[in-house]
Amino acid sequence: MKSLCSLSVAAALLFSGQTLAATEIAGIELPGSVMMQDTQLTLNGAGVRSKFFMDLYVGSLYLPTAAHDLKQVLAEPSALVRLNITSGLITADKMRDAINEGFELATDGDISAIKPQITEFMGLFDEAIQEGDQFSFLTTANSVTSYKNGKLLSTIEGEAFRTALLSIWLGDDPAQNSLKKAMLGH
């Protein structure tokens, strides 16, 4: 009976799309689940952001339950986007430029409603960025809490900001389509 119960749990996890095993992508070990602010989040998907045939970072998405599009991710009580920097070519200036471009694309060129939050968010990238750094963006309804290498940096309020930030990787015009698909488990 115990093994039948274990088999049922394993089958339920398999069909729910959730992964409990750790995964390695581009030399980065990604845990199958993480605990953030007393919430267990499971790896939904992960992939590599590359440009000109160079890997820049591994992007991963952790959720309470599996989701396969931005609408489902936004409906979750929390979502964690994690960026593990894999290239020494990423500088703070390049990261700010890429994030600003992402916000422009995510808002169809009209950042006016979230300009103060974007300005505050850009302050997260004032310090040097090095290969091996990890940025984590925990989103909950109306807020984004940001960490660098596990250290709390800030919490920024606003649902429009949260939606725009997630859209950088998961929206209609993402940073990279293949990364979006990988993070959404496709």
N, C-alpha and C. Protein backbone atom coordinates (compact mmCIF):
# COMPACT_ATOMS: atom_id res chain seq x y z
N MET A 1 0.83 -1.19 0.00
CA MET A 1 0.00 0.00 0.00
C MET A 1 0.87 1.25 0.00
N LYS A 2 1.96 1.21 0.79
CA LYS A 2 2.85 2.37 0.86
C LYS A 2 3.44 2.67 -0.52
N SER A 3 3.89 1.63 -1.25
CA SER A 3 4.47 1.87 -2.57
C SER A 3 3.42 2.34 -3.56
N LEU A 4 2.17 1.90 -3.41
CA LEU A 4 1.09 2.37 -4.27
C LEU A 4 0.84 3.85 -4.03
N CYS A 5 0.88 4.26 -2.77
CA CYS A 5 0.71 5.66 -2.41
C CYS A 5 1.86 6.49 -2.97
N SER A 6 3.10 5.99 -2.86
CA SER A 6 4.26 6.69 -3.40
C SER A 6 4.16 6.81 -4.91
N LEU A 7 3.69 5.75 -5.56
CA LEU A 7 3.51 5.77 -7.00
C LEU A 7 2.46 6.80 -7.39
N SER A 8 1.40 6.92 -6.63
CA SER A 8 0.36 7.90 -6.91
C SER A 8 0.89 9.32 -6.77
N VAL A 9 1.69 9.57 -5.74
CA VAL A 9 2.30 10.89 -5.56
C VAL A 9 3.24 11.20 -6.71
N ALA A 10 4.07 10.22 -7.09
CA ALA A 10 4.99 10.43 -8.21
C ALA A 10 4.23 10.70 -9.50
N ALA A 11 3.16 9.97 -9.75
CA ALA A 11 2.36 10.19 -10.94
C ALA A 11 1.71 11.57 -10.91
N ALA A 12 1.21 11.97 -9.75
CA ALA A 12 0.59 13.29 -9.63
C ALA A 12 1.60 14.39 -9.93
N LEU A 13 2.82 14.24 -9.42
CA LEU A 13 3.85 15.24 -9.70
C LEU A 13 4.23 15.25 -11.17
N LEU A 14 4.31 14.08 -11.77
CA LEU A 14 4.66 13.98 -13.19
C LEU A 14 3.62 14.68 -14.04
N PHE A 15 2.34 14.42 -13.76
CA PHE A 15 1.29 15.00 -14.58
C PHE A 15 1.01 16.46 -14.24
N SER A 16 1.45 16.94 -13.09
CA SER A 16 1.26 18.35 -12.76
C SER A 16 2.30 19.22 -13.43
N GLY A 17 3.36 18.61 -13.97
CA GLY A 17 4.41 19.37 -14.63
C GLY A 17 5.46 19.88 -13.67
N GLN A 18 5.35 19.55 -12.40
CA GLN A 18 6.32 20.03 -11.44
C GLN A 18 7.53 19.10 -11.40
N THR A 19 8.68 19.70 -11.22
CA THR A 19 9.91 18.95 -11.14
C THR A 19 10.50 19.10 -9.75
N LEU A 20 10.87 18.00 -9.12
CA LEU A 20 11.46 18.09 -7.80
C LEU A 20 12.97 17.88 -7.83
N ALA A 21 13.48 17.34 -8.92
CA ALA A 21 14.90 17.06 -9.01
C ALA A 21 15.66 18.32 -9.39
N ALA A 22 16.87 18.41 -8.91
CA ALA A 22 17.75 19.51 -9.29
C ALA A 22 18.11 19.35 -10.76
N THR A 23 18.43 20.45 -11.40
CA THR A 23 18.76 20.46 -12.81
C THR A 23 20.04 21.26 -13.00
N GLU A 24 20.87 20.85 -13.93
CA GLU A 24 22.06 21.63 -14.27
C GLU A 24 21.92 22.17 -15.67
N ILE A 25 22.11 23.47 -15.80
CA ILE A 25 22.05 24.13 -17.10
C ILE A 25 23.26 25.05 -17.21
N ALA A 26 24.03 24.88 -18.26
CA ALA A 26 25.21 25.71 -18.53
C ALA A 26 26.13 25.79 -17.31
N GLY A 27 26.26 24.67 -16.62
CA GLY A 27 27.14 24.62 -15.46
C GLY A 27 26.56 25.17 -14.17
N ILE A 28 25.31 25.61 -14.21
CA ILE A 28 24.64 26.15 -13.03
C ILE A 28 23.71 25.09 -12.47
N GLU A 29 23.88 24.74 -11.21
CA GLU A 29 23.03 23.77 -10.53
C GLU A 29 21.80 24.50 -10.00
N LEU A 30 20.63 24.11 -10.49
CA LEU A 30 19.37 24.72 -10.09
C LEU A 30 18.62 23.74 -9.19
N PRO A 31 18.29 24.16 -7.97
CA PRO A 31 17.54 23.26 -7.10
C PRO A 31 16.14 23.02 -7.67
N GLY A 32 15.59 21.86 -7.37
CA GLY A 32 14.24 21.53 -7.82
C GLY A 32 13.18 22.36 -7.12
N SER A 33 13.50 22.84 -5.94
CA SER A 33 12.57 23.71 -5.22
C SER A 33 13.37 24.64 -4.30
N VAL A 34 12.75 25.76 -3.96
CA VAL A 34 13.36 26.73 -3.06
C VAL A 34 12.29 27.22 -2.09
N MET A 35 12.72 27.66 -0.93
CA MET A 35 11.83 28.25 0.06
C MET A 35 12.11 29.76 0.07
N MET A 36 11.08 30.54 -0.23
CA MET A 36 11.20 32.00 -0.21
C MET A 36 10.06 32.57 0.61
N GLN A 37 10.39 33.35 1.61
CA GLN A 37 9.40 33.99 2.48
C GLN A 37 8.31 32.99 2.91
N ASP A 38 8.76 31.87 3.45
CA ASP A 38 7.87 30.83 3.97
C ASP A 38 6.99 30.18 2.91
N THR A 39 7.38 30.28 1.64
CA THR A 39 6.62 29.66 0.57
C THR A 39 7.52 28.73 -0.21
N GLN A 40 7.07 27.49 -0.39
CA GLN A 40 7.80 26.51 -1.18
C GLN A 40 7.49 26.74 -2.66
N LEU A 41 8.53 26.97 -3.44
CA LEU A 41 8.38 27.19 -4.88
C LEU A 41 9.14 26.10 -5.62
N THR A 42 8.55 25.62 -6.71
CA THR A 42 9.12 24.52 -7.47
C THR A 42 9.61 25.03 -8.82
N LEU A 43 10.71 24.49 -9.27
CA LEU A 43 11.26 24.87 -10.57
C LEU A 43 10.24 24.58 -11.67
N ASN A 44 9.83 25.63 -12.36
CA ASN A 44 8.88 25.51 -13.45
C ASN A 44 9.61 25.27 -14.77
N GLY A 45 10.76 25.92 -14.91
CA GLY A 45 11.56 25.79 -16.12
C GLY A 45 12.74 26.73 -16.07
N ALA A 46 13.73 26.46 -16.91
CA ALA A 46 14.94 27.28 -16.94
C ALA A 46 15.60 27.15 -18.30
N GLY A 47 16.36 28.18 -18.66
CA GLY A 47 17.08 28.17 -19.93
C GLY A 47 18.20 29.18 -19.90
N VAL A 48 18.88 29.29 -21.02
CA VAL A 48 20.04 30.16 -21.13
C VAL A 48 19.70 31.39 -21.97
N ARG A 49 20.08 32.55 -21.47
CA ARG A 49 20.00 33.80 -22.25
C ARG A 49 21.34 33.94 -22.93
N SER A 50 21.30 33.97 -24.25
CA SER A 50 22.55 34.10 -25.01
C SER A 50 22.42 35.23 -26.01
N LYS A 51 23.58 35.72 -26.42
CA LYS A 51 23.63 36.78 -27.41
C LYS A 51 24.91 36.60 -28.20
N PHE A 52 24.80 36.63 -29.50
CA PHE A 52 25.96 36.43 -30.37
C PHE A 52 26.72 35.16 -30.01
N PHE A 53 25.97 34.08 -29.79
CA PHE A 53 26.51 32.76 -29.50
C PHE A 53 27.25 32.66 -28.16
N MET A 54 27.04 33.63 -27.27
CA MET A 54 27.67 33.59 -25.95
C MET A 54 26.58 33.49 -24.88
N ASP A 55 26.76 32.55 -23.95
CA ASP A 55 25.83 32.42 -22.83
C ASP A 55 26.07 33.56 -21.86
N LEU A 56 25.01 34.27 -21.49
CA LEU A 56 25.12 35.40 -20.58
C LEU A 56 24.64 35.05 -19.17
N TYR A 57 23.49 34.38 -19.08
CA TYR A 57 22.97 33.97 -17.78
C TYR A 57 21.99 32.82 -17.96
N VAL A 58 21.76 32.13 -16.85
CA VAL A 58 20.70 31.12 -16.80
C VAL A 58 19.52 31.77 -16.10
N GLY A 59 18.39 31.76 -16.76
CA GLY A 59 17.15 32.29 -16.18
C GLY A 59 16.26 31.14 -15.76
N SER A 60 15.75 31.20 -14.55
CA SER A 60 14.87 30.13 -14.06
C SER A 60 13.63 30.75 -13.43
N LEU A 61 12.55 29.98 -13.46
CA LEU A 61 11.27 30.41 -12.92
C LEU A 61 10.80 29.37 -11.91
N TYR A 62 10.49 29.83 -10.70
CA TYR A 62 9.98 28.98 -9.63
C TYR A 62 8.57 29.45 -9.26
N LEU A 63 7.66 28.50 -9.11
CA LEU A 63 6.26 28.80 -8.81
C LEU A 63 5.69 27.80 -7.80
N PRO A 64 4.58 28.15 -7.14
CA PRO A 64 3.92 27.18 -6.27
C PRO A 64 3.34 26.00 -7.05
N THR A 65 2.79 26.28 -8.24
CA THR A 65 2.26 25.24 -9.12
C THR A 65 2.68 25.57 -10.55
N ALA A 66 2.73 24.56 -11.39
CA ALA A 66 3.21 24.74 -12.76
C ALA A 66 2.34 25.73 -13.53
N ALA A 67 2.98 26.51 -14.38
CA ALA A 67 2.29 27.47 -15.25
C ALA A 67 3.01 27.48 -16.59
N HIS A 68 2.25 27.73 -17.66
CA HIS A 68 2.84 27.66 -18.99
C HIS A 68 2.61 28.91 -19.83
N ASP A 69 2.09 29.98 -19.19
CA ASP A 69 2.01 31.27 -19.87
C ASP A 69 2.01 32.38 -18.81
N LEU A 70 2.22 33.60 -19.28
CA LEU A 70 2.33 34.73 -18.35
C LEU A 70 1.05 34.92 -17.53
N LYS A 71 -0.09 34.73 -18.13
CA LYS A 71 -1.35 34.90 -17.40
C LYS A 71 -1.42 33.95 -16.20
N GLN A 72 -1.02 32.70 -16.40
CA GLN A 72 -1.02 31.73 -15.30
C GLN A 72 0.00 32.13 -14.24
N VAL A 73 1.18 32.60 -14.66
CA VAL A 73 2.21 33.02 -13.70
C VAL A 73 1.70 34.17 -12.85
N LEU A 74 1.06 35.15 -13.49
CA LEU A 74 0.53 36.31 -12.76
C LEU A 74 -0.58 35.92 -11.79
N ALA A 75 -1.28 34.83 -12.06
CA ALA A 75 -2.35 34.37 -11.17
C ALA A 75 -1.82 33.65 -9.94
N GLU A 76 -0.56 33.24 -9.98
CA GLU A 76 0.04 32.55 -8.83
C GLU A 76 0.25 33.56 -7.69
N PRO A 77 0.18 33.11 -6.43
CA PRO A 77 0.39 34.02 -5.31
C PRO A 77 1.82 34.54 -5.23
N SER A 78 2.77 33.79 -5.81
CA SER A 78 4.15 34.25 -5.86
C SER A 78 4.85 33.58 -7.02
N ALA A 79 5.89 34.26 -7.50
CA ALA A 79 6.72 33.73 -8.58
C ALA A 79 8.13 34.25 -8.35
N LEU A 80 9.10 33.41 -8.63
CA LEU A 80 10.50 33.79 -8.46
C LEU A 80 11.20 33.65 -9.80
N VAL A 81 11.77 34.76 -10.28
CA VAL A 81 12.64 34.73 -11.44
C VAL A 81 14.06 34.85 -10.90
N ARG A 82 14.90 33.92 -11.31
CA ARG A 82 16.29 33.91 -10.83
C ARG A 82 17.21 33.97 -12.04
N LEU A 83 18.22 34.86 -11.96
CA LEU A 83 19.22 35.00 -13.00
C LEU A 83 20.58 34.65 -12.42
N ASN A 84 21.19 33.62 -12.96
CA ASN A 84 22.54 33.23 -12.56
C ASN A 84 23.50 33.67 -13.67
N ILE A 85 24.35 34.63 -13.36
CA ILE A 85 25.25 35.21 -14.34
C ILE A 85 26.35 34.20 -14.68
N THR A 86 26.49 33.90 -15.98
CA THR A 86 27.47 32.92 -16.42
C THR A 86 28.59 33.53 -17.27
N SER A 87 28.53 34.84 -17.48
CA SER A 87 29.53 35.49 -18.33
C SER A 87 30.13 36.70 -17.64
N GLY A 88 31.42 36.84 -17.75
CA GLY A 88 32.10 38.02 -17.24
C GLY A 88 31.89 39.23 -18.13
N LEU A 89 31.22 39.04 -19.26
CA LEU A 89 30.97 40.16 -20.17
C LEU A 89 29.79 41.02 -19.74
N ILE A 90 29.00 40.51 -18.79
CA ILE A 90 27.87 41.31 -18.30
C ILE A 90 28.39 42.31 -17.27
N THR A 91 28.15 43.57 -17.55
CA THR A 91 28.51 44.64 -16.62
C THR A 91 27.22 45.25 -16.07
N ALA A 92 27.36 46.06 -15.05
CA ALA A 92 26.19 46.74 -14.49
C ALA A 92 25.54 47.62 -15.56
N ASP A 93 26.34 48.32 -16.36
CA ASP A 93 25.78 49.17 -17.42
C ASP A 93 25.02 48.35 -18.44
N LYS A 94 25.57 47.22 -18.85
CA LYS A 94 24.90 46.37 -19.83
C LYS A 94 23.62 45.78 -19.25
N MET A 95 23.64 45.43 -17.98
CA MET A 95 22.43 44.89 -17.34
C MET A 95 21.36 45.96 -17.28
N ARG A 96 21.73 47.17 -16.88
CA ARG A 96 20.75 48.27 -16.83
C ARG A 96 20.15 48.52 -18.21
N ASP A 97 21.01 48.55 -19.24
CA ASP A 97 20.52 48.77 -20.61
C ASP A 97 19.54 47.68 -21.02
N ALA A 98 19.88 46.43 -20.74
CA ALA A 98 19.02 45.31 -21.13
C ALA A 98 17.69 45.35 -20.37
N ILE A 99 17.74 45.66 -19.08
CA ILE A 99 16.51 45.72 -18.28
C ILE A 99 15.65 46.90 -18.74
N ASN A 100 16.26 48.05 -19.00
CA ASN A 100 15.50 49.20 -19.51
C ASN A 100 14.82 48.85 -20.83
N GLU A 101 15.56 48.19 -21.73
CA GLU A 101 14.98 47.77 -23.00
C GLU A 101 13.81 46.80 -22.75
N GLY A 102 14.00 45.91 -21.80
CA GLY A 102 12.94 44.96 -21.46
C GLY A 102 11.68 45.66 -20.97
N PHE A 103 11.84 46.67 -20.13
CA PHE A 103 10.67 47.42 -19.65
C PHE A 103 9.99 48.17 -20.80
N GLU A 104 10.78 48.73 -21.70
CA GLU A 104 10.20 49.42 -22.87
C GLU A 104 9.35 48.45 -23.69
N LEU A 105 9.89 47.26 -23.95
CA LEU A 105 9.16 46.26 -24.73
C LEU A 105 7.93 45.75 -23.97
N ALA A 106 8.07 45.57 -22.67
CA ALA A 106 6.98 45.03 -21.84
C ALA A 106 5.81 45.99 -21.71
N THR A 107 6.08 47.28 -21.90
CA THR A 107 5.03 48.29 -21.73
C THR A 107 4.65 48.95 -23.05
N ASP A 108 5.03 48.34 -24.15
CA ASP A 108 4.78 48.91 -25.49
C ASP A 108 5.30 50.34 -25.59
N GLY A 109 6.44 50.59 -24.96
CA GLY A 109 7.10 51.88 -25.06
C GLY A 109 6.59 52.94 -24.11
N ASP A 110 5.64 52.65 -23.26
CA ASP A 110 5.10 53.64 -22.33
C ASP A 110 5.37 53.23 -20.88
N ILE A 111 6.52 53.64 -20.37
CA ILE A 111 6.92 53.31 -19.00
C ILE A 111 6.44 54.34 -17.98
N SER A 112 5.69 55.35 -18.43
CA SER A 112 5.33 56.46 -17.55
C SER A 112 4.65 56.01 -16.26
N ALA A 113 3.81 55.00 -16.31
CA ALA A 113 3.07 54.56 -15.12
C ALA A 113 3.98 53.91 -14.08
N ILE A 114 5.15 53.42 -14.51
CA ILE A 114 6.04 52.71 -13.57
C ILE A 114 7.45 53.31 -13.54
N LYS A 115 7.60 54.51 -14.05
CA LYS A 115 8.93 55.14 -14.11
C LYS A 115 9.60 55.24 -12.74
N PRO A 116 8.90 55.65 -11.67
CA PRO A 116 9.57 55.72 -10.36
C PRO A 116 10.07 54.34 -9.88
N GLN A 117 9.28 53.30 -10.12
CA GLN A 117 9.69 51.95 -9.72
C GLN A 117 10.88 51.47 -10.56
N ILE A 118 10.87 51.79 -11.84
CA ILE A 118 12.00 51.40 -12.70
C ILE A 118 13.28 52.09 -12.22
N THR A 119 13.18 53.36 -11.90
CA THR A 119 14.35 54.11 -11.41
C THR A 119 14.89 53.45 -10.14
N GLU A 120 14.00 53.10 -9.21
CA GLU A 120 14.44 52.44 -7.99
C GLU A 120 15.06 51.07 -8.30
N PHE A 121 14.44 50.33 -9.21
CA PHE A 121 14.93 49.01 -9.58
C PHE A 121 16.32 49.09 -10.22
N MET A 122 16.56 50.08 -11.03
CA MET A 122 17.86 50.23 -11.69
C MET A 122 18.99 50.43 -10.68
N GLY A 123 18.65 50.95 -9.50
CA GLY A 123 19.64 51.11 -8.44
C GLY A 123 20.21 49.78 -7.97
N LEU A 124 19.49 48.68 -8.24
CA LEU A 124 19.99 47.35 -7.87
C LEU A 124 21.25 46.98 -8.63
N PHE A 125 21.47 47.65 -9.74
CA PHE A 125 22.60 47.31 -10.60
C PHE A 125 23.69 48.38 -10.57
N ASP A 126 23.79 49.10 -9.44
CA ASP A 126 24.85 50.10 -9.28
C ASP A 126 26.21 49.46 -9.01
N GLU A 127 26.20 48.35 -8.28
CA GLU A 127 27.46 47.68 -7.97
C GLU A 127 27.90 46.80 -9.14
N ALA A 128 29.19 46.49 -9.17
CA ALA A 128 29.73 45.64 -10.23
C ALA A 128 29.02 44.28 -10.25
N ILE A 129 28.87 43.75 -11.45
CA ILE A 129 28.30 42.42 -11.64
C ILE A 129 29.42 41.50 -12.11
N GLN A 130 29.49 40.33 -11.50
CA GLN A 130 30.55 39.39 -11.83
C GLN A 130 29.96 38.05 -12.21
N GLU A 131 30.71 37.29 -12.98
CA GLU A 131 30.32 35.93 -13.27
C GLU A 131 30.13 35.19 -11.95
N GLY A 132 29.03 34.47 -11.81
CA GLY A 132 28.71 33.77 -10.57
C GLY A 132 27.70 34.49 -9.71
N ASP A 133 27.44 35.77 -9.99
CA ASP A 133 26.41 36.49 -9.23
C ASP A 133 25.03 35.91 -9.53
N GLN A 134 24.14 36.04 -8.56
CA GLN A 134 22.78 35.54 -8.71
C GLN A 134 21.82 36.64 -8.28
N PHE A 135 20.89 36.98 -9.18
CA PHE A 135 19.82 37.92 -8.88
C PHE A 135 18.52 37.13 -8.76
N SER A 136 17.74 37.41 -7.72
CA SER A 136 16.45 36.76 -7.51
C SER A 136 15.39 37.83 -7.34
N PHE A 137 14.30 37.68 -8.10
CA PHE A 137 13.19 38.62 -8.04
C PHE A 137 11.94 37.84 -7.65
N LEU A 138 11.53 38.00 -6.39
CA LEU A 138 10.35 37.33 -5.87
C LEU A 138 9.17 38.26 -6.03
N THR A 139 8.19 37.83 -6.83
CA THR A 139 7.01 38.65 -7.04
C THR A 139 5.83 38.06 -6.28
N THR A 140 5.11 38.94 -5.64
CA THR A 140 3.84 38.59 -5.02
C THR A 140 2.85 39.65 -5.47
N ALA A 141 1.58 39.48 -5.17
CA ALA A 141 0.59 40.47 -5.60
C ALA A 141 1.05 41.85 -5.18
N ASN A 142 1.24 42.72 -6.14
CA ASN A 142 1.58 44.13 -5.94
C ASN A 142 3.00 44.41 -5.47
N SER A 143 3.93 43.44 -5.53
CA SER A 143 5.29 43.78 -5.11
C SER A 143 6.34 42.87 -5.73
N VAL A 144 7.57 43.39 -5.74
CA VAL A 144 8.74 42.64 -6.19
C VAL A 144 9.82 42.83 -5.14
N THR A 145 10.30 41.73 -4.58
CA THR A 145 11.40 41.77 -3.62
C THR A 145 12.64 41.23 -4.32
N SER A 146 13.72 42.00 -4.29
CA SER A 146 14.92 41.66 -5.04
C SER A 146 16.08 41.31 -4.12
N TYR A 147 16.85 40.31 -4.57
CA TYR A 147 18.03 39.83 -3.84
C TYR A 147 19.20 39.73 -4.80
N LYS A 148 20.39 39.97 -4.29
CA LYS A 148 21.62 39.69 -5.04
C LYS A 148 22.46 38.78 -4.16
N ASN A 149 22.78 37.62 -4.69
CA ASN A 149 23.56 36.62 -3.96
C ASN A 149 22.97 36.32 -2.58
N GLY A 150 21.63 36.29 -2.52
CA GLY A 150 20.93 35.96 -1.29
C GLY A 150 20.71 37.12 -0.34
N LYS A 151 21.29 38.27 -0.65
CA LYS A 151 21.15 39.45 0.21
C LYS A 151 19.97 40.29 -0.26
N LEU A 152 19.05 40.59 0.68
CA LEU A 152 17.89 41.42 0.36
C LEU A 152 18.34 42.81 -0.06
N LEU A 153 17.86 43.26 -1.22
CA LEU A 153 18.20 44.59 -1.71
C LEU A 153 17.05 45.58 -1.57
N SER A 154 15.85 45.17 -1.98
CA SER A 154 14.72 46.09 -1.90
C SER A 154 13.40 45.37 -2.15
N THR A 155 12.33 46.04 -1.76
CA THR A 155 10.99 45.62 -2.15
C THR A 155 10.34 46.83 -2.80
N ILE A 156 9.84 46.61 -4.01
CA ILE A 156 9.21 47.67 -4.78
C ILE A 156 7.74 47.31 -4.97
N GLU A 157 6.88 48.26 -4.63
CA GLU A 157 5.44 48.03 -4.70
C GLU A 157 4.89 48.39 -6.08
N GLY A 158 3.79 47.74 -6.43
CA GLY A 158 3.07 48.09 -7.66
C GLY A 158 2.81 46.90 -8.56
N GLU A 159 1.53 46.65 -8.84
CA GLU A 159 1.15 45.53 -9.70
C GLU A 159 1.60 45.75 -11.14
N ALA A 160 1.50 46.98 -11.64
CA ALA A 160 1.94 47.25 -13.01
C ALA A 160 3.44 47.00 -13.15
N PHE A 161 4.20 47.34 -12.12
CA PHE A 161 5.64 47.09 -12.15
C PHE A 161 5.91 45.59 -12.13
N ARG A 162 5.23 44.85 -11.27
CA ARG A 162 5.40 43.40 -11.18
C ARG A 162 5.11 42.75 -12.53
N THR A 163 4.01 43.15 -13.15
CA THR A 163 3.62 42.59 -14.44
C THR A 163 4.67 42.90 -15.51
N ALA A 164 5.14 44.14 -15.54
CA ALA A 164 6.15 44.53 -16.53
C ALA A 164 7.45 43.77 -16.31
N LEU A 165 7.87 43.60 -15.05
CA LEU A 165 9.11 42.88 -14.78
C LEU A 165 9.01 41.43 -15.26
N LEU A 166 7.93 40.74 -14.92
CA LEU A 166 7.77 39.36 -15.38
C LEU A 166 7.68 39.29 -16.90
N SER A 167 7.10 40.32 -17.51
CA SER A 167 6.96 40.34 -18.97
C SER A 167 8.31 40.44 -19.68
N ILE A 168 9.32 40.96 -19.00
CA ILE A 168 10.64 41.03 -19.63
C ILE A 168 11.06 39.65 -20.11
N TRP A 169 10.78 38.62 -19.32
CA TRP A 169 11.19 37.26 -19.68
C TRP A 169 10.04 36.42 -20.21
N LEU A 170 8.80 36.74 -19.81
CA LEU A 170 7.68 35.84 -20.09
C LEU A 170 6.58 36.47 -20.93
N GLY A 171 6.73 37.72 -21.34
CA GLY A 171 5.68 38.44 -22.06
C GLY A 171 5.67 38.19 -23.55
N ASP A 172 4.90 39.01 -24.26
CA ASP A 172 4.74 38.87 -25.71
C ASP A 172 6.02 39.19 -26.48
N ASP A 173 6.85 40.06 -25.94
CA ASP A 173 8.10 40.45 -26.61
C ASP A 173 9.25 40.27 -25.61
N PRO A 174 9.58 39.01 -25.29
CA PRO A 174 10.54 38.72 -24.22
C PRO A 174 12.00 38.98 -24.62
N ALA A 175 12.86 38.93 -23.63
CA ALA A 175 14.30 39.11 -23.87
C ALA A 175 14.81 38.11 -24.90
N GLN A 176 14.28 36.89 -24.84
CA GLN A 176 14.67 35.84 -25.79
C GLN A 176 13.56 34.79 -25.80
N ASN A 177 13.02 34.50 -26.97
CA ASN A 177 11.90 33.56 -27.07
C ASN A 177 12.24 32.17 -26.54
N SER A 178 13.42 31.67 -26.85
CA SER A 178 13.78 30.33 -26.40
C SER A 178 13.89 30.28 -24.87
N LEU A 179 14.36 31.36 -24.26
CA LEU A 179 14.43 31.42 -22.80
C LEU A 179 13.03 31.45 -22.20
N LYS A 180 12.14 32.23 -22.79
CA LYS A 180 10.75 32.28 -22.33
C LYS A 180 10.14 30.88 -22.36
N LYS A 181 10.28 30.20 -23.48
CA LYS A 181 9.71 28.87 -23.62
C LYS A 181 10.29 27.91 -22.57
N ALA A 182 11.59 28.01 -22.35
CA ALA A 182 12.23 27.12 -21.36
C ALA A 182 11.75 27.42 -19.95
N MET A 183 11.62 28.70 -19.60
CA MET A 183 11.17 29.06 -18.25
C MET A 183 9.72 28.66 -18.02
N LEU A 184 8.93 28.65 -19.10
CA LEU A 184 7.53 28.27 -19.00
C LEU A 184 7.32 26.77 -19.18
N GLY A 185 8.41 26.02 -19.26
CA GLY A 185 8.32 24.57 -19.30
C GLY A 185 7.90 23.99 -20.64
N HIS A 186 8.13 24.71 -21.72
CA HIS A 186 7.78 24.20 -23.06
C HIS A 186 8.95 23.47 -23.68
